[in-house]
N, C-alpha and C. Protein backbone atom coordinates (compact mmCIF):
# COMPACT_ATOMS: atom_id res chain seq x y z
N UNK A 1 12.84 38.35 71.40
CA UNK A 1 12.21 38.74 72.65
C UNK A 1 13.22 39.49 73.52
N UNK A 2 12.72 40.47 74.26
CA UNK A 2 13.60 41.33 75.02
C UNK A 2 14.36 40.53 76.07
N UNK A 3 15.68 40.73 76.10
CA UNK A 3 16.49 40.10 77.12
C UNK A 3 16.96 38.70 76.78
N UNK A 4 16.38 38.05 75.78
CA UNK A 4 16.78 36.70 75.41
C UNK A 4 17.98 36.74 74.49
N UNK A 5 18.83 35.69 74.62
CA UNK A 5 19.99 35.56 73.74
C UNK A 5 19.53 35.13 72.37
N UNK A 6 20.19 35.66 71.36
CA UNK A 6 19.85 35.33 69.97
C UNK A 6 21.02 34.57 69.35
N UNK A 7 20.73 33.40 68.79
CA UNK A 7 21.76 32.60 68.17
C UNK A 7 22.17 33.16 66.82
N UNK A 8 23.46 33.18 66.57
CA UNK A 8 24.04 33.59 65.30
C UNK A 8 24.65 32.35 64.66
N UNK A 9 24.27 32.06 63.43
CA UNK A 9 24.67 30.80 62.81
C UNK A 9 25.87 30.91 61.88
N UNK A 10 26.39 32.09 61.74
CA UNK A 10 27.59 32.29 60.94
C UNK A 10 27.96 33.76 60.90
N UNK A 11 29.25 34.02 60.76
CA UNK A 11 29.72 35.40 60.68
C UNK A 11 30.87 35.49 59.69
N UNK A 12 30.68 36.28 58.66
CA UNK A 12 31.78 36.64 57.77
C UNK A 12 32.32 37.97 58.27
N UNK A 13 33.53 37.95 58.77
CA UNK A 13 34.05 39.09 59.51
C UNK A 13 34.35 40.29 58.64
N UNK A 14 34.54 40.06 57.34
CA UNK A 14 34.84 41.17 56.45
C UNK A 14 34.33 40.86 55.05
N UNK A 15 33.55 41.77 54.49
CA UNK A 15 33.09 41.63 53.10
C UNK A 15 33.12 42.98 52.42
N UNK A 16 33.58 42.98 51.17
CA UNK A 16 33.54 44.18 50.34
C UNK A 16 32.44 44.09 49.30
N UNK A 17 31.68 42.98 49.32
CA UNK A 17 30.67 42.73 48.29
C UNK A 17 29.24 42.85 48.79
N UNK A 18 28.99 42.47 50.03
CA UNK A 18 27.60 42.33 50.50
C UNK A 18 26.88 43.65 50.74
N UNK A 19 27.62 44.71 51.04
CA UNK A 19 27.01 46.01 51.28
C UNK A 19 27.63 47.01 50.30
N UNK A 20 26.94 47.32 49.22
CA UNK A 20 27.52 48.17 48.16
C UNK A 20 28.12 49.47 48.70
N UNK A 21 29.39 49.68 48.38
CA UNK A 21 30.05 50.91 48.76
C UNK A 21 30.58 50.95 50.18
N UNK A 22 30.46 49.85 50.90
CA UNK A 22 30.88 49.84 52.30
C UNK A 22 31.64 48.58 52.66
N UNK A 23 32.50 48.70 53.67
CA UNK A 23 33.17 47.56 54.27
C UNK A 23 32.26 47.05 55.39
N UNK A 24 31.95 45.77 55.37
CA UNK A 24 30.93 45.27 56.30
C UNK A 24 31.28 43.88 56.81
N UNK A 25 30.53 43.46 57.80
CA UNK A 25 30.49 42.07 58.26
C UNK A 25 29.13 41.52 57.90
N UNK A 26 29.06 40.22 57.63
CA UNK A 26 27.79 39.59 57.29
C UNK A 26 27.42 38.55 58.34
N UNK A 27 26.20 38.68 58.86
CA UNK A 27 25.67 37.79 59.88
C UNK A 27 24.67 36.84 59.24
N UNK A 28 24.86 35.52 59.45
CA UNK A 28 23.98 34.50 58.88
C UNK A 28 23.05 33.98 59.96
N UNK A 29 21.75 33.96 59.66
CA UNK A 29 20.74 33.49 60.59
C UNK A 29 19.98 32.31 59.99
N UNK A 30 19.78 31.26 60.77
CA UNK A 30 19.11 30.05 60.29
C UNK A 30 17.60 30.21 60.31
N UNK A 31 16.94 29.41 59.46
CA UNK A 31 15.49 29.42 59.36
C UNK A 31 15.03 30.15 58.12
N UNK A 32 14.15 29.51 57.33
CA UNK A 32 13.62 30.16 56.13
C UNK A 32 12.21 29.66 55.86
N UNK A 33 11.39 30.54 55.27
CA UNK A 33 10.02 30.18 54.92
C UNK A 33 9.89 29.85 53.43
N UNK A 34 11.02 29.73 52.74
CA UNK A 34 11.04 29.26 51.35
C UNK A 34 12.02 28.10 51.21
N UNK A 35 11.94 27.41 50.10
CA UNK A 35 12.80 26.25 49.86
C UNK A 35 13.37 26.30 48.44
N UNK A 36 14.00 27.40 48.09
CA UNK A 36 14.52 27.59 46.74
C UNK A 36 15.51 26.47 46.41
N UNK A 37 15.33 25.79 45.29
CA UNK A 37 16.18 24.64 44.98
C UNK A 37 17.63 24.99 44.71
N UNK A 38 17.92 26.28 44.45
CA UNK A 38 19.29 26.70 44.14
C UNK A 38 19.98 27.37 45.32
N UNK A 39 19.40 27.30 46.52
CA UNK A 39 19.90 28.05 47.67
C UNK A 39 21.33 27.63 48.04
N UNK A 40 22.22 28.60 48.17
CA UNK A 40 23.61 28.33 48.56
C UNK A 40 23.76 28.22 50.08
N UNK A 41 22.75 28.61 50.82
CA UNK A 41 22.80 28.51 52.28
C UNK A 41 21.81 27.46 52.77
N UNK A 42 21.74 26.33 52.07
CA UNK A 42 20.73 25.31 52.36
C UNK A 42 20.83 24.77 53.77
N UNK A 43 22.03 24.81 54.35
CA UNK A 43 22.18 24.31 55.72
C UNK A 43 21.48 25.20 56.74
N UNK A 44 21.10 26.40 56.31
CA UNK A 44 20.41 27.33 57.21
C UNK A 44 18.89 27.26 57.08
N UNK A 45 18.39 26.55 56.08
CA UNK A 45 16.97 26.64 55.74
C UNK A 45 16.06 26.17 56.87
N UNK A 46 16.32 24.98 57.42
CA UNK A 46 15.37 24.41 58.37
C UNK A 46 15.57 24.89 59.80
N UNK A 47 16.55 25.75 60.01
CA UNK A 47 16.75 26.32 61.34
C UNK A 47 17.49 25.44 62.30
N UNK A 48 18.00 24.29 61.85
CA UNK A 48 18.67 23.36 62.76
C UNK A 48 20.19 23.56 62.79
N UNK A 49 20.71 24.46 61.97
CA UNK A 49 22.15 24.70 61.97
C UNK A 49 22.62 25.13 63.35
N UNK A 50 23.76 24.62 63.77
CA UNK A 50 24.30 24.96 65.08
C UNK A 50 24.75 26.41 65.12
N UNK A 51 24.60 27.01 66.28
CA UNK A 51 24.99 28.41 66.45
C UNK A 51 26.50 28.53 66.58
N UNK A 52 27.07 29.53 65.90
CA UNK A 52 28.50 29.82 66.05
C UNK A 52 28.76 30.69 67.27
N UNK A 53 27.77 31.51 67.60
CA UNK A 53 27.90 32.45 68.71
C UNK A 53 26.51 32.97 69.06
N UNK A 54 26.43 33.80 70.10
CA UNK A 54 25.16 34.47 70.37
C UNK A 54 25.33 35.97 70.13
N UNK A 55 24.26 36.72 70.33
CA UNK A 55 24.31 38.15 70.01
C UNK A 55 25.30 38.90 70.89
N UNK A 56 25.50 38.43 72.11
CA UNK A 56 26.47 39.07 73.00
C UNK A 56 27.88 39.03 72.43
N UNK A 57 28.26 37.86 71.91
CA UNK A 57 29.59 37.73 71.31
C UNK A 57 29.69 38.54 70.02
N UNK A 58 28.59 38.60 69.27
CA UNK A 58 28.59 39.41 68.05
C UNK A 58 28.82 40.88 68.39
N UNK A 59 28.11 41.38 69.39
CA UNK A 59 28.26 42.79 69.77
C UNK A 59 29.67 43.08 70.26
N UNK A 60 30.25 42.13 70.97
CA UNK A 60 31.63 42.30 71.45
C UNK A 60 32.59 42.37 70.27
N UNK A 61 32.37 41.50 69.28
CA UNK A 61 33.19 41.53 68.06
C UNK A 61 33.07 42.89 67.37
N UNK A 62 31.84 43.37 67.22
CA UNK A 62 31.62 44.64 66.53
C UNK A 62 32.21 45.82 67.31
N UNK A 63 32.20 45.73 68.62
CA UNK A 63 32.80 46.78 69.44
C UNK A 63 34.27 46.95 69.09
N UNK A 64 34.93 45.84 68.81
CA UNK A 64 36.34 45.89 68.49
C UNK A 64 36.64 46.23 67.03
N UNK A 65 35.60 46.37 66.21
CA UNK A 65 35.80 46.67 64.78
C UNK A 65 35.36 48.08 64.41
N UNK A 66 35.07 48.89 65.42
CA UNK A 66 34.70 50.27 65.14
C UNK A 66 35.85 50.98 64.43
N UNK A 67 35.51 51.71 63.38
CA UNK A 67 36.54 52.40 62.62
C UNK A 67 37.11 51.56 61.50
N UNK A 68 36.81 50.26 61.52
CA UNK A 68 37.27 49.36 60.46
C UNK A 68 36.10 48.99 59.55
N UNK A 69 34.98 48.62 60.18
CA UNK A 69 33.77 48.26 59.45
C UNK A 69 32.81 49.43 59.40
N UNK A 70 32.07 49.54 58.28
CA UNK A 70 31.04 50.56 58.16
C UNK A 70 29.67 50.02 58.55
N UNK A 71 29.42 48.75 58.22
CA UNK A 71 28.07 48.24 58.39
C UNK A 71 28.02 46.75 58.67
N UNK A 72 26.79 46.29 58.94
CA UNK A 72 26.53 44.88 59.22
C UNK A 72 25.36 44.44 58.34
N UNK A 73 25.56 43.32 57.63
CA UNK A 73 24.53 42.75 56.77
C UNK A 73 23.91 41.54 57.46
N UNK A 74 22.60 41.46 57.44
CA UNK A 74 21.89 40.30 57.98
C UNK A 74 21.30 39.50 56.83
N UNK A 75 21.66 38.22 56.77
CA UNK A 75 21.16 37.36 55.72
C UNK A 75 20.79 36.01 56.31
N UNK A 76 20.32 35.08 55.46
CA UNK A 76 19.89 33.80 55.99
C UNK A 76 20.06 32.69 54.97
N UNK A 77 19.04 31.81 55.00
CA UNK A 77 17.74 31.90 55.65
C UNK A 77 16.99 33.21 55.38
N UNK A 78 15.98 33.39 56.21
CA UNK A 78 15.18 34.62 56.19
C UNK A 78 15.30 35.28 57.56
N UNK A 79 16.09 36.36 57.66
CA UNK A 79 16.32 37.00 58.96
C UNK A 79 15.06 37.48 59.67
N UNK A 80 14.04 37.89 58.91
CA UNK A 80 12.84 38.45 59.53
C UNK A 80 12.03 37.42 60.32
N UNK A 81 12.37 36.15 60.20
CA UNK A 81 11.71 35.13 61.04
C UNK A 81 12.09 35.28 62.50
N UNK A 82 13.18 35.96 62.78
CA UNK A 82 13.67 36.10 64.15
C UNK A 82 13.00 37.29 64.84
N UNK A 83 12.18 37.04 65.85
CA UNK A 83 11.51 38.16 66.53
C UNK A 83 12.50 39.05 67.29
N UNK A 84 13.68 38.53 67.61
CA UNK A 84 14.67 39.31 68.36
C UNK A 84 15.47 40.25 67.47
N UNK A 85 15.29 40.13 66.16
CA UNK A 85 16.14 40.85 65.21
C UNK A 85 16.09 42.38 65.36
N UNK A 86 14.91 42.99 65.47
CA UNK A 86 14.88 44.46 65.56
C UNK A 86 15.69 45.00 66.74
N UNK A 87 15.59 44.34 67.88
CA UNK A 87 16.33 44.80 69.06
C UNK A 87 17.83 44.74 68.81
N UNK A 88 18.29 43.65 68.19
CA UNK A 88 19.72 43.52 67.90
C UNK A 88 20.16 44.56 66.88
N UNK A 89 19.37 44.78 65.86
CA UNK A 89 19.71 45.79 64.86
C UNK A 89 19.85 47.18 65.48
N UNK A 90 18.95 47.50 66.39
CA UNK A 90 19.01 48.82 67.04
C UNK A 90 20.27 48.96 67.89
N UNK A 91 20.66 47.90 68.56
CA UNK A 91 21.91 47.94 69.35
C UNK A 91 23.10 48.19 68.43
N UNK A 92 23.08 47.55 67.27
CA UNK A 92 24.18 47.72 66.32
C UNK A 92 24.19 49.13 65.73
N UNK A 93 23.01 49.67 65.45
CA UNK A 93 22.94 51.06 64.96
C UNK A 93 23.45 52.03 66.03
N UNK A 94 23.11 51.75 67.29
CA UNK A 94 23.57 52.62 68.39
C UNK A 94 25.09 52.62 68.51
N UNK A 95 25.74 51.58 67.98
CA UNK A 95 27.20 51.52 67.98
C UNK A 95 27.79 52.32 66.83
N UNK A 96 26.94 52.84 65.96
CA UNK A 96 27.40 53.66 64.85
C UNK A 96 27.50 52.95 63.52
N UNK A 97 26.99 51.72 63.45
CA UNK A 97 27.06 50.95 62.21
C UNK A 97 25.81 51.15 61.34
N UNK A 98 26.00 51.01 60.04
CA UNK A 98 24.89 50.91 59.10
C UNK A 98 24.36 49.48 59.15
N UNK A 99 23.07 49.31 58.88
CA UNK A 99 22.45 47.99 58.93
C UNK A 99 21.77 47.68 57.60
N UNK A 100 22.13 46.53 57.03
CA UNK A 100 21.54 46.06 55.78
C UNK A 100 20.81 44.75 56.02
N UNK A 101 19.67 44.59 55.35
CA UNK A 101 18.86 43.38 55.46
C UNK A 101 18.73 42.73 54.09
N UNK A 102 19.00 41.42 54.03
CA UNK A 102 18.65 40.59 52.87
C UNK A 102 17.36 39.86 53.21
N UNK A 103 16.35 39.94 52.34
CA UNK A 103 15.06 39.33 52.65
C UNK A 103 14.39 38.78 51.40
N UNK A 104 13.52 37.80 51.60
CA UNK A 104 12.72 37.31 50.48
C UNK A 104 11.37 38.02 50.39
N UNK A 105 11.09 38.91 51.34
CA UNK A 105 9.89 39.73 51.27
C UNK A 105 8.60 39.03 51.67
N UNK A 106 8.70 37.84 52.28
CA UNK A 106 7.47 37.10 52.58
C UNK A 106 6.92 37.40 53.97
N UNK A 107 7.51 38.37 54.66
CA UNK A 107 6.98 38.84 55.95
C UNK A 107 6.85 40.36 55.87
N UNK A 108 5.91 40.84 55.05
CA UNK A 108 5.84 42.28 54.77
C UNK A 108 5.57 43.14 56.00
N UNK A 109 4.78 42.64 56.97
CA UNK A 109 4.49 43.45 58.15
C UNK A 109 5.74 43.73 58.97
N UNK A 110 6.60 42.72 59.10
CA UNK A 110 7.84 42.91 59.85
C UNK A 110 8.79 43.83 59.10
N UNK A 111 8.82 43.69 57.78
CA UNK A 111 9.66 44.57 56.97
C UNK A 111 9.17 46.02 57.07
N UNK A 112 7.87 46.22 56.97
CA UNK A 112 7.31 47.58 57.04
C UNK A 112 7.66 48.25 58.37
N UNK A 113 7.59 47.49 59.46
CA UNK A 113 7.89 48.05 60.79
C UNK A 113 9.34 48.54 60.86
N UNK A 114 10.26 47.73 60.34
CA UNK A 114 11.67 48.14 60.34
C UNK A 114 11.88 49.38 59.48
N UNK A 115 11.19 49.45 58.34
CA UNK A 115 11.31 50.61 57.48
C UNK A 115 10.70 51.85 58.13
N UNK A 116 9.52 51.70 58.71
CA UNK A 116 8.83 52.83 59.35
C UNK A 116 9.65 53.40 60.50
N UNK A 117 10.35 52.53 61.22
CA UNK A 117 11.11 52.96 62.39
C UNK A 117 12.56 53.32 62.05
N UNK A 118 12.87 53.36 60.74
CA UNK A 118 14.20 53.76 60.26
C UNK A 118 15.33 52.93 60.85
N UNK A 119 15.05 51.64 61.02
CA UNK A 119 16.07 50.72 61.54
C UNK A 119 17.05 50.34 60.44
N UNK A 120 16.57 50.27 59.20
CA UNK A 120 17.39 49.78 58.09
C UNK A 120 18.01 50.92 57.29
N UNK A 121 19.24 50.70 56.86
CA UNK A 121 19.91 51.64 55.97
C UNK A 121 19.94 51.14 54.53
N UNK A 122 19.73 49.83 54.35
CA UNK A 122 19.75 49.25 53.00
C UNK A 122 18.95 47.95 53.05
N UNK A 123 18.14 47.71 52.02
CA UNK A 123 17.38 46.46 51.91
C UNK A 123 17.66 45.84 50.55
N UNK A 124 17.98 44.55 50.55
CA UNK A 124 18.11 43.79 49.30
C UNK A 124 17.03 42.72 49.32
N UNK A 125 16.08 42.82 48.39
CA UNK A 125 14.98 41.85 48.34
C UNK A 125 15.13 40.96 47.12
N UNK A 126 15.09 39.67 47.36
CA UNK A 126 15.12 38.70 46.26
C UNK A 126 13.77 38.66 45.57
N UNK A 127 13.79 38.78 44.27
CA UNK A 127 12.59 38.59 43.45
C UNK A 127 12.78 37.26 42.73
N UNK A 128 12.01 36.26 43.11
CA UNK A 128 12.29 34.89 42.66
C UNK A 128 11.97 34.68 41.19
N UNK A 129 10.83 35.22 40.73
CA UNK A 129 10.41 34.96 39.36
C UNK A 129 9.17 35.78 39.07
N UNK A 130 8.59 35.58 37.89
CA UNK A 130 7.28 36.18 37.59
C UNK A 130 6.24 35.55 38.50
N UNK A 131 5.11 36.22 38.71
CA UNK A 131 4.09 35.66 39.61
C UNK A 131 3.68 34.24 39.25
N UNK A 132 3.62 33.94 37.96
CA UNK A 132 3.15 32.63 37.50
C UNK A 132 4.08 31.50 37.95
N UNK A 133 5.35 31.80 38.12
CA UNK A 133 6.32 30.76 38.46
C UNK A 133 7.00 31.00 39.82
N UNK A 134 6.42 31.91 40.60
CA UNK A 134 7.05 32.28 41.86
C UNK A 134 7.10 31.12 42.84
N UNK A 135 5.98 30.43 43.02
CA UNK A 135 5.93 29.31 43.98
C UNK A 135 6.91 28.21 43.58
N UNK A 136 6.92 27.87 42.30
CA UNK A 136 7.83 26.84 41.80
C UNK A 136 9.28 27.20 42.09
N UNK A 137 9.64 28.45 41.84
CA UNK A 137 11.02 28.89 42.02
C UNK A 137 11.39 28.97 43.49
N UNK A 138 10.40 29.27 44.34
CA UNK A 138 10.64 29.34 45.78
C UNK A 138 10.56 27.97 46.45
N UNK A 139 10.27 26.93 45.68
CA UNK A 139 10.20 25.59 46.24
C UNK A 139 8.97 25.33 47.07
N UNK A 140 7.88 26.04 46.78
CA UNK A 140 6.64 25.92 47.56
C UNK A 140 5.51 25.45 46.66
N UNK A 141 4.50 24.83 47.26
CA UNK A 141 3.33 24.42 46.49
C UNK A 141 2.38 25.59 46.25
N UNK A 142 2.47 26.62 47.10
CA UNK A 142 1.60 27.80 46.97
C UNK A 142 2.34 28.99 47.53
N UNK A 143 2.13 30.14 46.93
CA UNK A 143 2.69 31.37 47.50
C UNK A 143 1.64 32.48 47.41
N UNK A 144 1.57 33.28 48.45
CA UNK A 144 0.65 34.42 48.50
C UNK A 144 1.37 35.62 47.88
N UNK A 145 1.11 35.89 46.63
CA UNK A 145 1.81 36.96 45.93
C UNK A 145 1.51 38.34 46.49
N UNK A 146 0.41 38.47 47.20
CA UNK A 146 0.09 39.77 47.79
C UNK A 146 1.15 40.17 48.81
N UNK A 147 1.72 39.19 49.52
CA UNK A 147 2.78 39.49 50.49
C UNK A 147 4.02 40.01 49.77
N UNK A 148 4.35 39.41 48.64
CA UNK A 148 5.50 39.86 47.86
C UNK A 148 5.25 41.27 47.33
N UNK A 149 4.06 41.51 46.82
CA UNK A 149 3.73 42.84 46.28
C UNK A 149 3.76 43.91 47.37
N UNK A 150 3.28 43.55 48.56
CA UNK A 150 3.30 44.50 49.68
C UNK A 150 4.73 44.88 50.04
N UNK A 151 5.60 43.89 50.12
CA UNK A 151 7.00 44.19 50.47
C UNK A 151 7.64 45.08 49.42
N UNK A 152 7.38 44.80 48.15
CA UNK A 152 7.91 45.65 47.09
C UNK A 152 7.40 47.08 47.24
N UNK A 153 6.12 47.23 47.51
CA UNK A 153 5.54 48.58 47.63
C UNK A 153 6.09 49.30 48.85
N UNK A 154 6.31 48.58 49.95
CA UNK A 154 6.88 49.22 51.15
C UNK A 154 8.30 49.72 50.85
N UNK A 155 9.08 48.91 50.17
CA UNK A 155 10.45 49.31 49.84
C UNK A 155 10.45 50.52 48.92
N UNK A 156 9.61 50.49 47.89
CA UNK A 156 9.56 51.60 46.94
C UNK A 156 8.98 52.87 47.57
N UNK A 157 8.19 52.69 48.62
CA UNK A 157 7.54 53.83 49.25
C UNK A 157 8.34 54.49 50.35
N UNK A 158 9.52 53.96 50.67
CA UNK A 158 10.36 54.54 51.71
C UNK A 158 11.64 55.13 51.10
N UNK A 159 12.33 55.94 51.89
CA UNK A 159 13.57 56.56 51.42
C UNK A 159 14.78 55.66 51.61
N UNK A 160 14.61 54.53 52.29
CA UNK A 160 15.72 53.62 52.54
C UNK A 160 16.32 53.13 51.23
N UNK A 161 17.65 53.10 51.16
CA UNK A 161 18.32 52.60 49.96
C UNK A 161 18.00 51.11 49.79
N UNK A 162 17.94 50.65 48.55
CA UNK A 162 17.48 49.29 48.31
C UNK A 162 18.01 48.76 46.99
N UNK A 163 17.84 47.46 46.83
CA UNK A 163 18.00 46.82 45.52
C UNK A 163 17.06 45.63 45.45
N UNK A 164 16.63 45.32 44.25
CA UNK A 164 15.95 44.05 43.97
C UNK A 164 16.91 43.20 43.16
N UNK A 165 16.82 41.88 43.32
CA UNK A 165 17.77 41.01 42.61
C UNK A 165 17.14 39.65 42.35
N UNK A 166 17.60 39.01 41.31
CA UNK A 166 17.12 37.68 40.94
C UNK A 166 18.30 36.78 40.64
N UNK A 167 18.30 35.60 41.23
CA UNK A 167 19.26 34.56 40.85
C UNK A 167 18.69 33.82 39.64
N UNK A 168 19.43 33.85 38.54
CA UNK A 168 18.93 33.31 37.28
C UNK A 168 19.40 31.87 37.11
N UNK A 169 18.44 30.98 36.87
CA UNK A 169 18.76 29.56 36.76
C UNK A 169 17.87 28.90 35.72
N UNK A 170 18.49 28.24 34.74
CA UNK A 170 17.71 27.41 33.82
C UNK A 170 17.34 26.12 34.55
N UNK A 171 16.14 25.59 34.36
CA UNK A 171 15.10 26.03 33.42
C UNK A 171 14.02 26.88 34.09
N UNK A 172 14.32 27.47 35.25
CA UNK A 172 13.29 28.20 35.99
C UNK A 172 12.99 29.58 35.39
N UNK A 173 13.93 30.16 34.66
CA UNK A 173 13.75 31.50 34.13
C UNK A 173 13.83 31.51 32.61
N UNK A 174 12.95 32.30 32.02
CA UNK A 174 12.96 32.50 30.56
C UNK A 174 12.57 33.96 30.29
N UNK A 175 12.38 34.31 29.03
CA UNK A 175 12.06 35.70 28.70
C UNK A 175 10.80 36.19 29.41
N UNK A 176 9.79 35.29 29.49
CA UNK A 176 8.53 35.68 30.14
C UNK A 176 8.74 35.97 31.62
N UNK A 177 9.71 35.28 32.24
CA UNK A 177 10.01 35.52 33.65
C UNK A 177 10.36 36.98 33.88
N UNK A 178 11.22 37.52 33.02
CA UNK A 178 11.72 38.87 33.26
C UNK A 178 10.71 39.93 32.84
N UNK A 179 9.84 39.60 31.92
CA UNK A 179 8.74 40.50 31.62
C UNK A 179 7.82 40.61 32.84
N UNK A 180 7.53 39.47 33.47
CA UNK A 180 6.68 39.46 34.66
C UNK A 180 7.34 40.16 35.84
N UNK A 181 8.64 39.93 36.02
CA UNK A 181 9.37 40.59 37.10
C UNK A 181 9.38 42.10 36.88
N UNK A 182 9.55 42.51 35.62
CA UNK A 182 9.56 43.94 35.31
C UNK A 182 8.26 44.62 35.73
N UNK A 183 7.15 43.92 35.52
CA UNK A 183 5.86 44.49 35.95
C UNK A 183 5.75 44.53 37.47
N UNK A 184 6.32 43.52 38.15
CA UNK A 184 6.26 43.47 39.62
C UNK A 184 6.99 44.65 40.26
N UNK A 185 8.16 44.98 39.73
CA UNK A 185 9.01 45.99 40.37
C UNK A 185 9.07 47.28 39.56
N UNK A 186 8.02 47.53 38.78
CA UNK A 186 7.98 48.74 37.96
C UNK A 186 8.26 49.98 38.80
N UNK A 187 9.17 50.81 38.33
CA UNK A 187 9.53 52.03 39.04
C UNK A 187 10.78 51.89 39.89
N UNK A 188 11.31 50.68 40.01
CA UNK A 188 12.50 50.47 40.83
C UNK A 188 13.74 51.08 40.16
N UNK A 189 14.64 51.61 40.98
CA UNK A 189 15.88 52.19 40.47
C UNK A 189 16.96 51.14 40.24
N UNK A 190 16.97 50.09 41.08
CA UNK A 190 18.06 49.12 41.00
C UNK A 190 17.52 47.70 40.95
N UNK A 191 17.93 46.97 39.93
CA UNK A 191 17.58 45.56 39.79
C UNK A 191 18.78 44.83 39.24
N UNK A 192 19.23 43.80 39.96
CA UNK A 192 20.43 43.07 39.58
C UNK A 192 20.11 41.62 39.28
N UNK A 193 20.82 41.07 38.30
CA UNK A 193 20.75 39.65 37.99
C UNK A 193 22.04 39.00 38.46
N UNK A 194 21.91 37.88 39.15
CA UNK A 194 23.10 37.12 39.52
C UNK A 194 22.94 35.69 38.99
N UNK A 195 23.96 35.21 38.30
CA UNK A 195 23.89 33.89 37.71
C UNK A 195 24.03 32.80 38.78
N UNK A 196 23.21 31.76 38.65
CA UNK A 196 23.33 30.61 39.53
C UNK A 196 24.69 29.96 39.33
N UNK A 197 25.36 29.64 40.45
CA UNK A 197 26.64 28.95 40.40
C UNK A 197 26.48 27.57 41.01
N UNK A 198 26.74 26.56 40.25
CA UNK A 198 26.56 25.18 40.71
C UNK A 198 27.60 24.85 41.78
N UNK A 199 27.15 24.18 42.86
CA UNK A 199 28.06 23.74 43.91
C UNK A 199 27.63 22.38 44.41
N UNK A 200 28.51 21.68 45.11
CA UNK A 200 28.20 20.34 45.60
C UNK A 200 27.03 20.34 46.58
N UNK A 201 26.87 21.46 47.32
CA UNK A 201 25.83 21.51 48.34
C UNK A 201 24.47 21.89 47.79
N UNK A 202 24.37 22.23 46.51
CA UNK A 202 23.10 22.67 45.92
C UNK A 202 22.44 21.52 45.20
């Protein structure tokens, strides 16, 4: 909402991995509409994680990193749950930074608006599994696959740079999973697999 402070739940001040080809900072936002059992940011899922800073402090930090950082990545949780996000992204773009969004694609209308208004420079969308096992993999009893398909079509239909990616975890994924995913993202230029890494918090 305009004028309201936005809580930031984590900040990685420098990353060479999160934004392909660029030096960036990564902003972590709490709250998610999925419950993936392998999530590495599980402390951010329910939105109760304490804030590390607000958007004012983030902007001040970025002001001092001009010429060092190329871009800012927003991840979560699911960043699109935050209604204040577009305003903050625009402020960051006005500072000369590139903006990248990590999303699960379950809020296609909000994603489409950001794409239509050229707010995003890069989108990374998680593709959880084939449609038949999507809800199970996302930790939900039901999932509206039309929302996922809409987000995929919006990404493929815009000029914004993008990638699709899947975290691979036994026993959730098998050969049929990737055949189904292939049909979902047919025509995509970039699709990455990342292996699940076991940790104490997962």
